[in-house]
PDB file of N, CA and C in Angstrom:
ATOM      1  N   UNK A   1       0.927  -1.075   0.077  1.00  0.00           N
ATOM      2  CA  UNK A   1       0.090  -0.027  -0.365  1.00  0.00           C
ATOM      3  C   UNK A   1       0.861   1.340  -0.050  1.00  0.00           C
ATOM      4  N   UNK A   2       0.214   2.243  -0.518  1.00  0.00           N
ATOM      5  CA  UNK A   2       0.950   3.322  -0.473  1.00  0.00           C
ATOM      6  C   UNK A   2       1.123   4.113   1.023  1.00  0.00           C
ATOM      7  N   UNK A   3       1.973   5.129   1.206  1.00  0.00           N
ATOM      8  CA  UNK A   3       2.313   5.629   2.678  1.00  0.00           C
ATOM      9  C   UNK A   3       1.176   6.885   2.971  1.00  0.00           C
ATOM     10  N   UNK A   4       0.697   6.454   3.918  1.00  0.00           N
ATOM     11  CA  UNK A   4      -0.636   7.346   4.321  1.00  0.00           C
ATOM     12  C   UNK A   4      -0.298   8.145   5.877  1.00  0.00           C
ATOM     13  N   UNK A   5      -0.474   9.378   5.886  1.00  0.00           N
ATOM     14  CA  UNK A   5      -0.070   9.646   7.324  1.00  0.00           C
ATOM     15  C   UNK A   5      -1.430   9.686   7.859  1.00  0.00           C
ATOM     16  N   UNK A   6      -1.542   9.354   8.986  1.00  0.00           N
ATOM     17  CA  UNK A   6      -3.031   9.602   9.496  1.00  0.00           C
ATOM     18  C   UNK A   6      -2.468   9.561  11.131  1.00  0.00           C
ATOM     19  N   UNK A   7      -3.547  10.295  11.702  1.00  0.00           N
ATOM     20  CA  UNK A   7      -3.365  10.953  13.305  1.00  0.00           C
ATOM     21  C   UNK A   7      -4.460  10.193  14.012  1.00  0.00           C
ATOM     22  N   UNK A   8      -4.311   9.543  15.034  1.00  0.00           N
ATOM     23  CA  UNK A   8      -5.683   9.356  15.622  1.00  0.00           C
ATOM     24  C   UNK A   8      -5.580   8.068  16.719  1.00  0.00           C
ATOM     25  N   UNK A   9      -6.836   7.368  17.023  1.00  0.00           N
ATOM     26  CA  UNK A   9      -6.652   6.597  18.074  1.00  0.00           C
ATOM     27  C   UNK A   9      -7.509   5.008  18.052  1.00  0.00           C
ATOM     28  N   UNK A  10      -6.996   4.113  18.537  1.00  0.00           N
ATOM     29  CA  UNK A  10      -7.638   2.930  18.532  1.00  0.00           C
ATOM     30  C   UNK A  10      -7.900   2.470  19.703  1.00  0.00           C
ATOM     31  N   UNK A  11      -9.071   1.932  19.932  1.00  0.00           N
ATOM     32  CA  UNK A  11      -9.569   1.547  21.409  1.00  0.00           C
ATOM     33  C   UNK A  11      -9.846   0.371  21.770  1.00  0.00           C
ATOM     34  N   UNK A  12      -9.386  -0.142  22.785  1.00  0.00           N
ATOM     35  CA  UNK A  12      -9.603  -1.562  23.342  1.00  0.00           C
ATOM     36  C   UNK A  12     -10.852  -2.338  22.775  1.00  0.00           C
ATOM     37  N   UNK A  13     -11.790  -1.603  22.620  1.00  0.00           N
ATOM     38  CA  UNK A  13     -12.912  -2.160  22.285  1.00  0.00           C
ATOM     39  C   UNK A  13     -13.821  -2.159  20.516  1.00  0.00           C
ATOM     40  N   UNK A  14     -12.479  -2.020  19.898  1.00  0.00           N
ATOM     41  CA  UNK A  14     -12.234  -2.053  18.663  1.00  0.00           C
ATOM     42  C   UNK A  14     -13.108  -0.512  17.848  1.00  0.00           C
ATOM     43  N   UNK A  15     -12.970   0.263  18.649  1.00  0.00           N
ATOM     44  CA  UNK A  15     -13.579   1.692  18.127  1.00  0.00           C
ATOM     45  C   UNK A  15     -12.555   2.368  17.652  1.00  0.00           C
ATOM     46  N   UNK A  16     -12.409   3.532  16.755  1.00  0.00           N
ATOM     47  CA  UNK A  16     -11.450   4.261  16.230  1.00  0.00           C
ATOM     48  C   UNK A  16     -11.624   5.377  15.639  1.00  0.00           C
ATOM     49  N   UNK A  17     -10.554   6.421  16.144  1.00  0.00           N
ATOM     50  CA  UNK A  17     -10.935   7.884  15.333  1.00  0.00           C
ATOM     51  C   UNK A  17     -10.122   8.471  14.447  1.00  0.00           C
ATOM     52  N   UNK A  18      -9.466   8.557  13.170  1.00  0.00           N
ATOM     53  CA  UNK A  18      -8.083   8.991  12.759  1.00  0.00           C
ATOM     54  C   UNK A  18      -8.571  10.151  12.191  1.00  0.00           C
ATOM     55  N   UNK A  19      -8.017  10.909  11.921  1.00  0.00           N
ATOM     56  CA  UNK A  19      -8.062  12.036  11.051  1.00  0.00           C
ATOM     57  C   UNK A  19      -6.943  11.973   9.849  1.00  0.00           C
ATOM     58  N   UNK A  20      -6.922  12.209   8.410  1.00  0.00           N
ATOM     59  CA  UNK A  20      -6.234  12.069   7.517  1.00  0.00           C
ATOM     60  C   UNK A  20      -6.286  13.401   7.096  1.00  0.00           C
ATOM     61  N   UNK A  21      -4.733  13.884   7.122  1.00  0.00           N
ATOM     62  CA  UNK A  21      -5.061  15.840   6.889  1.00  0.00           C
ATOM     63  C   UNK A  21      -4.675  16.012   5.254  1.00  0.00           C
ATOM     64  N   UNK A  22      -3.966  14.829   4.779  1.00  0.00           N
ATOM     65  CA  UNK A  22      -4.143  15.839   3.065  1.00  0.00           C
ATOM     66  C   UNK A  22      -5.473  16.084   2.377  1.00  0.00           C
ATOM     67  N   UNK A  23      -6.399  15.133   2.517  1.00  0.00           N
ATOM     68  CA  UNK A  23      -7.703  15.319   1.635  1.00  0.00           C
ATOM     69  C   UNK A  23      -8.595  15.537   2.951  1.00  0.00           C
ATOM     70  N   UNK A  24      -8.334  16.164   4.283  1.00  0.00           N
ATOM     71  CA  UNK A  24      -8.930  16.901   5.538  1.00  0.00           C
ATOM     72  C   UNK A  24     -10.255  15.387   5.846  1.00  0.00           C
ATOM     73  N   UNK A  25      -9.885  14.294   5.762  1.00  0.00           N
ATOM     74  CA  UNK A  25     -10.991  13.211   6.146  1.00  0.00           C
ATOM     75  C   UNK A  25     -10.970  12.919   7.533  1.00  0.00           C
ATOM     76  N   UNK A  26     -11.831  12.513   8.171  1.00  0.00           N
ATOM     77  CA  UNK A  26     -12.090  11.884   9.590  1.00  0.00           C
ATOM     78  C   UNK A  26     -12.716  10.854   9.315  1.00  0.00           C
ATOM     79  N   UNK A  27     -12.113   9.622   9.919  1.00  0.00           N
ATOM     80  CA  UNK A  27     -12.557   8.070   9.952  1.00  0.00           C
ATOM     81  C   UNK A  27     -13.008   8.070  11.067  1.00  0.00           C
ATOM     82  N   UNK A  28     -14.169   7.527  11.313  1.00  0.00           N
ATOM     83  CA  UNK A  28     -14.749   7.341  12.945  1.00  0.00           C
ATOM     84  C   UNK A  28     -15.649   6.363  12.825  1.00  0.00           C
ATOM     85  N   UNK A  29     -15.155   5.045  13.879  1.00  0.00           N
ATOM     86  CA  UNK A  29     -16.318   3.862  13.560  1.00  0.00           C
ATOM     87  C   UNK A  29     -15.873   2.913  15.025  1.00  0.00           C
ATOM     88  N   UNK A  30     -16.620   1.483  14.271  1.00  0.00           N
ATOM     89  CA  UNK A  30     -16.566   0.782  15.403  1.00  0.00           C
ATOM     90  C   UNK A  30     -16.932  -0.645  14.892  1.00  0.00           C
ATOM     91  N   UNK A  31     -15.654  -1.588  15.114  1.00  0.00           N
ATOM     92  CA  UNK A  31     -16.278  -2.893  14.348  1.00  0.00           C
ATOM     93  C   UNK A  31     -16.936  -3.772  14.960  1.00  0.00           C
ATOM     94  N   UNK A  32     -17.134  -3.665  16.121  1.00  0.00           N
ATOM     95  CA  UNK A  32     -18.136  -4.126  17.207  1.00  0.00           C
ATOM     96  C   UNK A  32     -17.613  -5.733  17.450  1.00  0.00           C
ATOM     97  N   UNK A  33     -16.271  -5.857  17.446  1.00  0.00           N
ATOM     98  CA  UNK A  33     -15.950  -7.226  18.142  1.00  0.00           C
ATOM     99  C   UNK A  33     -14.477  -6.957  18.513  1.00  0.00           C
ATOM    100  N   UNK A  34     -14.034  -8.250  19.314  1.00  0.00           N
ATOM    101  CA  UNK A  34     -12.426  -7.963  20.170  1.00  0.00           C
ATOM    102  C   UNK A  34     -11.672  -9.347  19.476  1.00  0.00           C
ATOM    103  N   UNK A  35     -12.265  -9.927  18.786  1.00  0.00           N
ATOM    104  CA  UNK A  35     -11.334 -11.349  18.498  1.00  0.00           C
ATOM    105  C   UNK A  35     -10.160 -11.066  17.594  1.00  0.00           C
ATOM    106  N   UNK A  36     -10.418  -9.696  16.612  1.00  0.00           N
ATOM    107  CA  UNK A  36      -9.525  -9.702  16.073  1.00  0.00           C
ATOM    108  C   UNK A  36      -9.010  -8.026  16.210  1.00  0.00           C
ATOM    109  N   UNK A  37      -8.105  -7.762  17.183  1.00  0.00           N
ATOM    110  CA  UNK A  37      -7.718  -6.160  17.616  1.00  0.00           C
ATOM    111  C   UNK A  37      -7.042  -5.394  16.507  1.00  0.00           C
ATOM    112  N   UNK A  38      -6.539  -6.387  15.180  1.00  0.00           N
ATOM    113  CA  UNK A  38      -5.707  -5.821  14.031  1.00  0.00           C
ATOM    114  C   UNK A  38      -6.709  -4.909  13.168  1.00  0.00           C
ATOM    115  N   UNK A  39      -8.139  -5.685  13.182  1.00  0.00           N
ATOM    116  CA  UNK A  39      -8.767  -5.150  12.273  1.00  0.00           C
ATOM    117  C   UNK A  39      -9.269  -3.735  12.347  1.00  0.00           C
ATOM    118  N   UNK A  40      -9.345  -2.945  13.181  1.00  0.00           N
ATOM    119  CA  UNK A  40      -9.723  -1.796  12.849  1.00  0.00           C
ATOM    120  C   UNK A  40      -8.797  -0.973  11.972  1.00  0.00           C
ATOM    121  N   UNK A  41      -7.393  -0.904  12.824  1.00  0.00           N
ATOM    122  CA  UNK A  41      -6.480  -0.288  11.804  1.00  0.00           C
ATOM    123  C   UNK A  41      -6.356  -0.818  10.429  1.00  0.00           C
ATOM    124  N   UNK A  42      -6.589  -1.990  10.304  1.00  0.00           N
ATOM    125  CA  UNK A  42      -6.074  -2.366   8.820  1.00  0.00           C
ATOM    126  C   UNK A  42      -7.530  -2.086   8.156  1.00  0.00           C
ATOM    127  N   UNK A  43      -8.183  -1.799   8.369  1.00  0.00           N
ATOM    128  CA  UNK A  43      -9.773  -1.330   7.473  1.00  0.00           C
ATOM    129  C   UNK A  43      -9.083   0.305   7.099  1.00  0.00           C
ATOM    130  N   UNK A  44      -8.781   0.582   8.435  1.00  0.00           N
ATOM    131  CA  UNK A  44      -8.724   2.622   8.244  1.00  0.00           C
ATOM    132  C   UNK A  44      -7.451   2.705   7.323  1.00  0.00           C
ATOM    133  N   UNK A  45      -6.529   1.701   7.404  1.00  0.00           N
ATOM    134  CA  UNK A  45      -5.643   1.756   6.336  1.00  0.00           C
ATOM    135  C   UNK A  45      -6.016   1.850   5.363  1.00  0.00           C
ATOM    136  N   UNK A  46      -6.835   0.684   4.678  1.00  0.00           N
ATOM    137  CA  UNK A  46      -7.282   0.237   3.490  1.00  0.00           C
ATOM    138  C   UNK A  46      -8.196   1.377   3.080  1.00  0.00           C
ATOM    139  N   UNK A  47      -8.972   1.970   3.874  1.00  0.00           N
ATOM    140  CA  UNK A  47      -9.830   2.829   3.536  1.00  0.00           C
ATOM    141  C   UNK A  47      -8.979   4.234   2.893  1.00  0.00           C
ATOM    142  N   UNK A  48      -7.843   4.351   3.736  1.00  0.00           N
ATOM    143  CA  UNK A  48      -7.017   5.637   3.801  1.00  0.00           C
ATOM    144  C   UNK A  48      -6.518   5.673   2.044  1.00  0.00           C
ATOM    145  N   UNK A  49      -5.575   4.407   2.060  1.00  0.00           N
ATOM    146  CA  UNK A  49      -4.987   3.959   0.963  1.00  0.00           C
ATOM    147  C   UNK A  49      -5.928   4.344  -0.348  1.00  0.00           C
ATOM    148  N   UNK A  50      -6.908   4.084  -0.653  1.00  0.00           N
ATOM    149  CA  UNK A  50      -8.156   3.898  -1.444  1.00  0.00           C
ATOM    150  C   UNK A  50      -8.530   5.211  -2.009  1.00  0.00           C
ATOM    151  N   UNK A  51      -8.070   6.192  -1.681  1.00  0.00           N
ATOM    152  CA  UNK A  51      -8.647   7.559  -1.586  1.00  0.00           C
ATOM    153  C   UNK A  51      -7.741   7.969  -2.998  1.00  0.00           C
ATOM    154  N   UNK A  52      -8.373   8.413  -3.799  1.00  0.00           N
ATOM    155  CA  UNK A  52      -7.336   9.081  -4.915  1.00  0.00           C
ATOM    156  C   UNK A  52      -7.574  10.626  -4.581  1.00  0.00           C
ATOM    157  N   UNK A  53      -6.362  10.871  -4.351  1.00  0.00           N
ATOM    158  CA  UNK A  53      -5.960  12.725  -4.421  1.00  0.00           C
ATOM    159  C   UNK A  53      -5.889  13.065  -5.660  1.00  0.00           C
TER     160      UNK A  53
END
C-alpha cells in the first residue's frame, strides 16, 4: 500500500478515530468485535489508501 499519514486513536473495544490531513477527512467507527484486534487499523489504512488524491 502507499504511504498514508494518519493521526488518531484505536480503542481496546475496536472503536477508532483517525484524521487524514491531506484530504481533510475523518474516519470514525466501530467494528463491534474484539476477536481480531488489528482489524480496525487494517480497515482504516485500507480506506485511506483507496482515496484518490
